[in-house]
């Protein structure tokens, strides 16, 4: 596995009113500003397990989320959460 820089600034992807430890996804951007610059993702409950992609792929994913391309993955999620 590639070395993960120790000086990354992790941003937690959690709702503004979220409380507690999560688990949440955290994102950190590595050095560089081109499409091949590294982007790191981890879950707060397992911070040693880091997934690495690049900025080009990350930007494409974010645009896809904004465009609703992944909405089918969350169909029924809110309804299930309310019944548990």
PDB file of N, CA and C in Angstrom:
ATOM      1  N   UNK A   1       0.841  -1.173   0.000  1.00  0.00           N
ATOM      2  CA  UNK A   1       0.000   0.000   0.000  1.00  0.00           C
ATOM      3  C   UNK A   1       0.888   1.239   0.000  1.00  0.00           C
ATOM      4  N   UNK A   2       0.436   2.264  -0.700  1.00  0.00           N
ATOM      5  CA  UNK A   2       1.191   3.509  -0.776  1.00  0.00           C
ATOM      6  C   UNK A   2       1.223   4.192   0.593  1.00  0.00           C
ATOM      7  N   UNK A   3       2.281   4.938   0.828  1.00  0.00           N
ATOM      8  CA  UNK A   3       2.377   5.682   2.077  1.00  0.00           C
ATOM      9  C   UNK A   3       1.352   6.809   2.087  1.00  0.00           C
ATOM     10  N   UNK A   4       0.663   6.951   3.193  1.00  0.00           N
ATOM     11  CA  UNK A   4      -0.317   8.011   3.371  1.00  0.00           C
ATOM     12  C   UNK A   4       0.378   9.151   4.112  1.00  0.00           C
ATOM     13  N   UNK A   5       0.384  10.360   3.550  1.00  0.00           N
ATOM     14  CA  UNK A   5       1.036  11.478   4.242  1.00  0.00           C
ATOM     15  C   UNK A   5       0.444  11.689   5.632  1.00  0.00           C
ATOM     16  N   UNK A   6       1.298  11.990   6.592  1.00  0.00           N
ATOM     17  CA  UNK A   6       0.847  12.158   7.974  1.00  0.00           C
ATOM     18  C   UNK A   6       0.269  13.547   8.228  1.00  0.00           C
ATOM     19  N   UNK A   7       0.478  14.487   7.312  1.00  0.00           N
ATOM     20  CA  UNK A   7       0.037  15.865   7.543  1.00  0.00           C
ATOM     21  C   UNK A   7      -1.262  16.216   6.806  1.00  0.00           C
ATOM     22  N   UNK A   8      -2.029  15.215   6.414  1.00  0.00           N
ATOM     23  CA  UNK A   8      -3.280  15.475   5.707  1.00  0.00           C
ATOM     24  C   UNK A   8      -4.286  16.172   6.616  1.00  0.00           C
ATOM     25  N   UNK A   9      -5.107  17.004   6.024  1.00  0.00           N
ATOM     26  CA  UNK A   9      -6.201  17.650   6.748  1.00  0.00           C
ATOM     27  C   UNK A   9      -7.484  16.944   6.340  1.00  0.00           C
ATOM     28  N   UNK A  10      -8.061  16.186   7.271  1.00  0.00           N
ATOM     29  CA  UNK A  10      -9.240  15.377   7.006  1.00  0.00           C
ATOM     30  C   UNK A  10     -10.502  16.197   7.232  1.00  0.00           C
ATOM     31  N   UNK A  11     -11.428  16.112   6.287  1.00  0.00           N
ATOM     32  CA  UNK A  11     -12.722  16.784   6.383  1.00  0.00           C
ATOM     33  C   UNK A  11     -13.795  15.727   6.544  1.00  0.00           C
ATOM     34  N   UNK A  12     -14.573  15.841   7.589  1.00  0.00           N
ATOM     35  CA  UNK A  12     -15.623  14.867   7.881  1.00  0.00           C
ATOM     36  C   UNK A  12     -16.878  15.195   7.081  1.00  0.00           C
ATOM     37  N   UNK A  13     -17.400  14.203   6.385  1.00  0.00           N
ATOM     38  CA  UNK A  13     -18.635  14.348   5.614  1.00  0.00           C
ATOM     39  C   UNK A  13     -19.789  13.902   6.509  1.00  0.00           C
ATOM     40  N   UNK A  14     -20.287  14.847   7.287  1.00  0.00           N
ATOM     41  CA  UNK A  14     -21.379  14.566   8.218  1.00  0.00           C
ATOM     42  C   UNK A  14     -22.351  15.738   8.183  1.00  0.00           C
ATOM     43  N   UNK A  15     -23.611  15.486   8.461  1.00  0.00           N
ATOM     44  CA  UNK A  15     -24.576  16.587   8.523  1.00  0.00           C
ATOM     45  C   UNK A  15     -24.152  17.612   9.579  1.00  0.00           C
ATOM     46  N   UNK A  16     -24.458  18.887   9.368  1.00  0.00           N
ATOM     47  CA  UNK A  16     -24.039  19.928  10.316  1.00  0.00           C
ATOM     48  C   UNK A  16     -24.530  19.684  11.745  1.00  0.00           C
ATOM     49  N   UNK A  17     -25.682  19.043  11.890  1.00  0.00           N
ATOM     50  CA  UNK A  17     -26.226  18.816  13.225  1.00  0.00           C
ATOM     51  C   UNK A  17     -25.859  17.440  13.784  1.00  0.00           C
ATOM     52  N   UNK A  18     -24.936  16.758  13.142  1.00  0.00           N
ATOM     53  CA  UNK A  18     -24.547  15.406  13.569  1.00  0.00           C
ATOM     54  C   UNK A  18     -23.842  15.450  14.915  1.00  0.00           C
ATOM     55  N   UNK A  19     -24.176  14.479  15.746  1.00  0.00           N
ATOM     56  CA  UNK A  19     -23.509  14.334  17.032  1.00  0.00           C
ATOM     57  C   UNK A  19     -22.954  12.919  17.125  1.00  0.00           C
ATOM     58  N   UNK A  20     -22.036  12.735  18.007  1.00  0.00           N
ATOM     59  CA  UNK A  20     -21.479  11.406  18.200  1.00  0.00           C
ATOM     60  C   UNK A  20     -20.359  11.098  17.231  1.00  0.00           C
ATOM     61  N   UNK A  21     -19.773   9.922  17.414  1.00  0.00           N
ATOM     62  CA  UNK A  21     -18.583   9.554  16.660  1.00  0.00           C
ATOM     63  C   UNK A  21     -18.848   9.045  15.246  1.00  0.00           C
ATOM     64  N   UNK A  22     -20.064   8.870  14.860  1.00  0.00           N
ATOM     65  CA  UNK A  22     -20.347   8.375  13.506  1.00  0.00           C
ATOM     66  C   UNK A  22     -20.657   6.901  13.521  1.00  0.00           C
ATOM     67  N   UNK A  23     -20.197   6.140  12.586  1.00  0.00           N
ATOM     68  CA  UNK A  23     -19.059   6.391  11.702  1.00  0.00           C
ATOM     69  C   UNK A  23     -19.409   7.350  10.565  1.00  0.00           C
ATOM     70  N   UNK A  24     -18.422   8.140  10.189  1.00  0.00           N
ATOM     71  CA  UNK A  24     -18.535   9.089   9.096  1.00  0.00           C
ATOM     72  C   UNK A  24     -17.412   8.833   8.098  1.00  0.00           C
ATOM     73  N   UNK A  25     -17.607   9.317   6.908  1.00  0.00           N
ATOM     74  CA  UNK A  25     -16.554   9.283   5.900  1.00  0.00           C
ATOM     75  C   UNK A  25     -15.746  10.565   6.038  1.00  0.00           C
ATOM     76  N   UNK A  26     -14.437  10.448   5.907  1.00  0.00           N
ATOM     77  CA  UNK A  26     -13.551  11.611   5.926  1.00  0.00           C
ATOM     78  C   UNK A  26     -12.764  11.646   4.624  1.00  0.00           C
ATOM     79  N   UNK A  27     -12.517  12.861   4.134  1.00  0.00           N
ATOM     80  CA  UNK A  27     -11.844  13.066   2.857  1.00  0.00           C
ATOM     81  C   UNK A  27     -10.659  14.002   3.088  1.00  0.00           C
ATOM     82  N   UNK A  28      -9.547  13.705   2.431  1.00  0.00           N
ATOM     83  CA  UNK A  28      -8.373  14.583   2.483  1.00  0.00           C
ATOM     84  C   UNK A  28      -7.787  14.673   1.078  1.00  0.00           C
ATOM     85  N   UNK A  29      -7.320  15.856   0.730  1.00  0.00           N
ATOM     86  CA  UNK A  29      -6.724  16.087  -0.578  1.00  0.00           C
ATOM     87  C   UNK A  29      -5.213  16.181  -0.433  1.00  0.00           C
ATOM     88  N   UNK A  30      -4.510  15.402  -1.265  1.00  0.00           N
ATOM     89  CA  UNK A  30      -3.058  15.410  -1.245  1.00  0.00           C
ATOM     90  C   UNK A  30      -2.506  16.598  -2.031  1.00  0.00           C
ATOM     91  N   UNK A  31      -1.202  16.648  -2.109  1.00  0.00           N
ATOM     92  CA  UNK A  31      -0.538  17.747  -2.807  1.00  0.00           C
ATOM     93  C   UNK A  31      -0.812  17.707  -4.299  1.00  0.00           C
ATOM     94  N   UNK A  32      -0.869  18.888  -4.884  1.00  0.00           N
ATOM     95  CA  UNK A  32      -1.066  19.021  -6.318  1.00  0.00           C
ATOM     96  C   UNK A  32      -2.461  19.523  -6.637  1.00  0.00           C
ATOM     97  N   UNK A  33      -2.595  20.075  -7.834  1.00  0.00           N
ATOM     98  CA  UNK A  33      -3.906  20.585  -8.226  1.00  0.00           C
ATOM     99  C   UNK A  33      -4.306  20.100  -9.621  1.00  0.00           C
ATOM    100  N   UNK A  34      -3.606  19.088 -10.108  1.00  0.00           N
ATOM    101  CA  UNK A  34      -3.973  18.528 -11.413  1.00  0.00           C
ATOM    102  C   UNK A  34      -4.881  17.313 -11.213  1.00  0.00           C
ATOM    103  N   UNK A  35      -5.318  16.720 -12.283  1.00  0.00           N
ATOM    104  CA  UNK A  35      -6.241  15.598 -12.233  1.00  0.00           C
ATOM    105  C   UNK A  35      -5.682  14.355 -11.583  1.00  0.00           C
ATOM    106  N   UNK A  36      -4.360  14.251 -11.510  1.00  0.00           N
ATOM    107  CA  UNK A  36      -3.743  13.071 -10.908  1.00  0.00           C
ATOM    108  C   UNK A  36      -3.385  13.268  -9.443  1.00  0.00           C
ATOM    109  N   UNK A  37      -3.677  14.439  -8.878  1.00  0.00           N
ATOM    110  CA  UNK A  37      -3.398  14.689  -7.461  1.00  0.00           C
ATOM    111  C   UNK A  37      -4.213  13.712  -6.608  1.00  0.00           C
ATOM    112  N   UNK A  38      -3.633  13.181  -5.553  1.00  0.00           N
ATOM    113  CA  UNK A  38      -4.317  12.160  -4.759  1.00  0.00           C
ATOM    114  C   UNK A  38      -5.451  12.708  -3.891  1.00  0.00           C
ATOM    115  N   UNK A  39      -6.467  11.874  -3.738  1.00  0.00           N
ATOM    116  CA  UNK A  39      -7.582  12.129  -2.828  1.00  0.00           C
ATOM    117  C   UNK A  39      -7.702  10.885  -1.956  1.00  0.00           C
ATOM    118  N   UNK A  40      -7.807  11.093  -0.645  1.00  0.00           N
ATOM    119  CA  UNK A  40      -7.845   9.994   0.310  1.00  0.00           C
ATOM    120  C   UNK A  40      -9.206   9.956   1.000  1.00  0.00           C
ATOM    121  N   UNK A  41      -9.715   8.752   1.214  1.00  0.00           N
ATOM    122  CA  UNK A  41     -10.997   8.564   1.907  1.00  0.00           C
ATOM    123  C   UNK A  41     -10.815   7.509   2.992  1.00  0.00           C
ATOM    124  N   UNK A  42     -11.487   7.728   4.118  1.00  0.00           N
ATOM    125  CA  UNK A  42     -11.459   6.756   5.201  1.00  0.00           C
ATOM    126  C   UNK A  42     -12.745   6.867   6.000  1.00  0.00           C
ATOM    127  N   UNK A  43     -12.992   5.874   6.820  1.00  0.00           N
ATOM    128  CA  UNK A  43     -14.140   5.886   7.709  1.00  0.00           C
ATOM    129  C   UNK A  43     -13.626   6.130   9.123  1.00  0.00           C
ATOM    130  N   UNK A  44     -14.347   6.933   9.886  1.00  0.00           N
ATOM    131  CA  UNK A  44     -13.877   7.285  11.225  1.00  0.00           C
ATOM    132  C   UNK A  44     -13.707   6.063  12.121  1.00  0.00           C
ATOM    133  N   UNK A  45     -14.494   5.016  11.885  1.00  0.00           N
ATOM    134  CA  UNK A  45     -14.385   3.827  12.732  1.00  0.00           C
ATOM    135  C   UNK A  45     -13.201   2.937  12.353  1.00  0.00           C
ATOM    136  N   UNK A  46     -12.542   3.225  11.231  1.00  0.00           N
ATOM    137  CA  UNK A  46     -11.396   2.431  10.781  1.00  0.00           C
ATOM    138  C   UNK A  46     -10.395   3.348  10.066  1.00  0.00           C
ATOM    139  N   UNK A  47      -9.800   4.297  10.787  1.00  0.00           N
ATOM    140  CA  UNK A  47      -8.965   5.320  10.142  1.00  0.00           C
ATOM    141  C   UNK A  47      -7.682   4.799   9.506  1.00  0.00           C
ATOM    142  N   UNK A  48      -7.276   3.590   9.827  1.00  0.00           N
ATOM    143  CA  UNK A  48      -6.069   3.041   9.216  1.00  0.00           C
ATOM    144  C   UNK A  48      -6.336   2.490   7.818  1.00  0.00           C
ATOM    145  N   UNK A  49      -7.588   2.247   7.491  1.00  0.00           N
ATOM    146  CA  UNK A  49      -7.982   1.708   6.186  1.00  0.00           C
ATOM    147  C   UNK A  49      -8.330   2.886   5.272  1.00  0.00           C
ATOM    148  N   UNK A  50      -7.383   3.289   4.440  1.00  0.00           N
ATOM    149  CA  UNK A  50      -7.528   4.471   3.593  1.00  0.00           C
ATOM    150  C   UNK A  50      -7.609   4.048   2.136  1.00  0.00           C
ATOM    151  N   UNK A  51      -8.593   4.583   1.443  1.00  0.00           N
ATOM    152  CA  UNK A  51      -8.757   4.356   0.010  1.00  0.00           C
ATOM    153  C   UNK A  51      -8.219   5.583  -0.706  1.00  0.00           C
ATOM    154  N   UNK A  52      -7.453   5.360  -1.760  1.00  0.00           N
ATOM    155  CA  UNK A  52      -6.867   6.465  -2.510  1.00  0.00           C
ATOM    156  C   UNK A  52      -7.402   6.471  -3.939  1.00  0.00           C
ATOM    157  N   UNK A  53      -7.762   7.659  -4.410  1.00  0.00           N
ATOM    158  CA  UNK A  53      -8.146   7.854  -5.804  1.00  0.00           C
ATOM    159  C   UNK A  53      -7.440   9.115  -6.279  1.00  0.00           C
ATOM    160  N   UNK A  54      -7.864   9.661  -7.392  1.00  0.00           N
ATOM    161  CA  UNK A  54      -7.250  10.915  -7.827  1.00  0.00           C
ATOM    162  C   UNK A  54      -8.316  11.986  -8.004  1.00  0.00           C
ATOM    163  N   UNK A  55      -7.874  13.214  -8.181  1.00  0.00           N
ATOM    164  CA  UNK A  55      -8.789  14.359  -8.225  1.00  0.00           C
ATOM    165  C   UNK A  55      -9.758  14.263  -9.406  1.00  0.00           C
ATOM    166  N   UNK A  56      -9.299  13.778 -10.539  1.00  0.00           N
ATOM    167  CA  UNK A  56     -10.158  13.654 -11.720  1.00  0.00           C
ATOM    168  C   UNK A  56     -11.325  12.719 -11.435  1.00  0.00           C
ATOM    169  N   UNK A  57     -11.040  11.568 -10.838  1.00  0.00           N
ATOM    170  CA  UNK A  57     -12.092  10.605 -10.514  1.00  0.00           C
ATOM    171  C   UNK A  57     -12.999  11.132  -9.408  1.00  0.00           C
ATOM    172  N   UNK A  58     -12.426  11.778  -8.413  1.00  0.00           N
ATOM    173  CA  UNK A  58     -13.218  12.347  -7.323  1.00  0.00           C
ATOM    174  C   UNK A  58     -14.181  13.406  -7.863  1.00  0.00           C
ATOM    175  N   UNK A  59     -13.686  14.304  -8.709  1.00  0.00           N
ATOM    176  CA  UNK A  59     -14.542  15.339  -9.274  1.00  0.00           C
ATOM    177  C   UNK A  59     -15.675  14.736 -10.104  1.00  0.00           C
ATOM    178  N   UNK A  60     -15.383  13.690 -10.867  1.00  0.00           N
ATOM    179  CA  UNK A  60     -16.421  13.018 -11.662  1.00  0.00           C
ATOM    180  C   UNK A  60     -17.471  12.398 -10.733  1.00  0.00           C
ATOM    181  N   UNK A  61     -17.040  11.800  -9.629  1.00  0.00           N
ATOM    182  CA  UNK A  61     -17.973  11.219  -8.667  1.00  0.00           C
ATOM    183  C   UNK A  61     -18.873  12.291  -8.063  1.00  0.00           C
ATOM    184  N   UNK A  62     -18.288  13.397  -7.622  1.00  0.00           N
ATOM    185  CA  UNK A  62     -19.069  14.472  -7.011  1.00  0.00           C
ATOM    186  C   UNK A  62     -20.079  15.039  -8.001  1.00  0.00           C
ATOM    187  N   UNK A  63     -19.664  15.246  -9.232  1.00  0.00           N
ATOM    188  CA  UNK A  63     -20.607  15.731 -10.254  1.00  0.00           C
ATOM    189  C   UNK A  63     -21.736  14.730 -10.479  1.00  0.00           C
ATOM    190  N   UNK A  64     -21.423  13.440 -10.452  1.00  0.00           N
ATOM    191  CA  UNK A  64     -22.443  12.411 -10.598  1.00  0.00           C
ATOM    192  C   UNK A  64     -23.439  12.428  -9.450  1.00  0.00           C
ATOM    193  N   UNK A  65     -22.945  12.627  -8.235  1.00  0.00           N
ATOM    194  CA  UNK A  65     -23.837  12.727  -7.076  1.00  0.00           C
ATOM    195  C   UNK A  65     -24.755  13.930  -7.233  1.00  0.00           C
ATOM    196  N   UNK A  66     -24.178  15.070  -7.607  1.00  0.00           N
ATOM    197  CA  UNK A  66     -24.979  16.275  -7.786  1.00  0.00           C
ATOM    198  C   UNK A  66     -26.028  16.104  -8.878  1.00  0.00           C
ATOM    199  N   UNK A  67     -25.728  15.329  -9.897  1.00  0.00           N
ATOM    200  CA  UNK A  67     -26.649  15.117 -11.013  1.00  0.00           C
ATOM    201  C   UNK A  67     -27.692  14.035 -10.718  1.00  0.00           C
ATOM    202  N   UNK A  68     -27.589  13.388  -9.552  1.00  0.00           N
ATOM    203  CA  UNK A  68     -28.562  12.369  -9.182  1.00  0.00           C
ATOM    204  C   UNK A  68     -28.279  10.992  -9.738  1.00  0.00           C
ATOM    205  N   UNK A  69     -27.073  10.763 -10.265  1.00  0.00           N
ATOM    206  CA  UNK A  69     -26.745   9.480 -10.879  1.00  0.00           C
ATOM    207  C   UNK A  69     -26.714   8.313  -9.892  1.00  0.00           C
ATOM    208  N   UNK A  70     -26.656   8.599  -8.602  1.00  0.00           N
ATOM    209  CA  UNK A  70     -26.558   7.543  -7.604  1.00  0.00           C
ATOM    210  C   UNK A  70     -27.784   7.488  -6.692  1.00  0.00           C
ATOM    211  N   UNK A  71     -28.820   8.228  -7.028  1.00  0.00           N
ATOM    212  CA  UNK A  71     -30.009   8.280  -6.174  1.00  0.00           C
ATOM    213  C   UNK A  71     -30.631   6.906  -5.954  1.00  0.00           C
ATOM    214  N   UNK A  72     -30.530   6.031  -6.922  1.00  0.00           N
ATOM    215  CA  UNK A  72     -31.129   4.703  -6.775  1.00  0.00           C
ATOM    216  C   UNK A  72     -30.498   3.900  -5.632  1.00  0.00           C
ATOM    217  N   UNK A  73     -29.295   4.257  -5.217  1.00  0.00           N
ATOM    218  CA  UNK A  73     -28.660   3.555  -4.104  1.00  0.00           C
ATOM    219  C   UNK A  73     -29.300   3.883  -2.764  1.00  0.00           C
ATOM    220  N   UNK A  74     -29.987   4.998  -2.665  1.00  0.00           N
ATOM    221  CA  UNK A  74     -30.558   5.412  -1.386  1.00  0.00           C
ATOM    222  C   UNK A  74     -32.080   5.340  -1.351  1.00  0.00           C
ATOM    223  N   UNK A  75     -32.679   4.789  -2.386  1.00  0.00           N
ATOM    224  CA  UNK A  75     -34.133   4.641  -2.379  1.00  0.00           C
ATOM    225  C   UNK A  75     -34.553   3.787  -1.193  1.00  0.00           C
ATOM    226  N   UNK A  76     -35.471   4.308  -0.401  1.00  0.00           N
ATOM    227  CA  UNK A  76     -35.974   3.584   0.755  1.00  0.00           C
ATOM    228  C   UNK A  76     -35.119   3.699   2.006  1.00  0.00           C
ATOM    229  N   UNK A  77     -33.959   4.319   1.930  1.00  0.00           N
ATOM    230  CA  UNK A  77     -33.088   4.403   3.110  1.00  0.00           C
ATOM    231  C   UNK A  77     -33.758   5.187   4.229  1.00  0.00           C
ATOM    232  N   UNK A  78     -34.301   6.351   3.948  1.00  0.00           N
ATOM    233  CA  UNK A  78     -34.930   7.157   5.003  1.00  0.00           C
ATOM    234  C   UNK A  78     -36.120   6.439   5.596  1.00  0.00           C
ATOM    235  N   UNK A  79     -36.907   5.765   4.783  1.00  0.00           N
ATOM    236  CA  UNK A  79     -38.046   5.034   5.299  1.00  0.00           C
ATOM    237  C   UNK A  79     -37.586   3.912   6.237  1.00  0.00           C
ATOM    238  N   UNK A  80     -36.526   3.203   5.894  1.00  0.00           N
ATOM    239  CA  UNK A  80     -35.997   2.138   6.745  1.00  0.00           C
ATOM    240  C   UNK A  80     -35.474   2.676   8.060  1.00  0.00           C
ATOM    241  N   UNK A  81     -34.802   3.839   8.017  1.00  0.00           N
ATOM    242  CA  UNK A  81     -34.281   4.436   9.234  1.00  0.00           C
ATOM    243  C   UNK A  81     -35.391   4.828  10.197  1.00  0.00           C
ATOM    244  N   UNK A  82     -36.517   5.239   9.685  1.00  0.00           N
ATOM    245  CA  UNK A  82     -37.628   5.680  10.542  1.00  0.00           C
ATOM    246  C   UNK A  82     -38.346   4.517  11.194  1.00  0.00           C
ATOM    247  N   UNK A  83     -38.236   3.322  10.613  1.00  0.00           N
ATOM    248  CA  UNK A  83     -38.959   2.173  11.159  1.00  0.00           C
ATOM    249  C   UNK A  83     -38.120   1.372  12.146  1.00  0.00           C
ATOM    250  N   UNK A  84     -36.843   1.646  12.229  1.00  0.00           N
ATOM    251  CA  UNK A  84     -35.985   0.876  13.135  1.00  0.00           C
ATOM    252  C   UNK A  84     -35.938   1.480  14.509  1.00  0.00           C
TER     253      UNK A  84
END
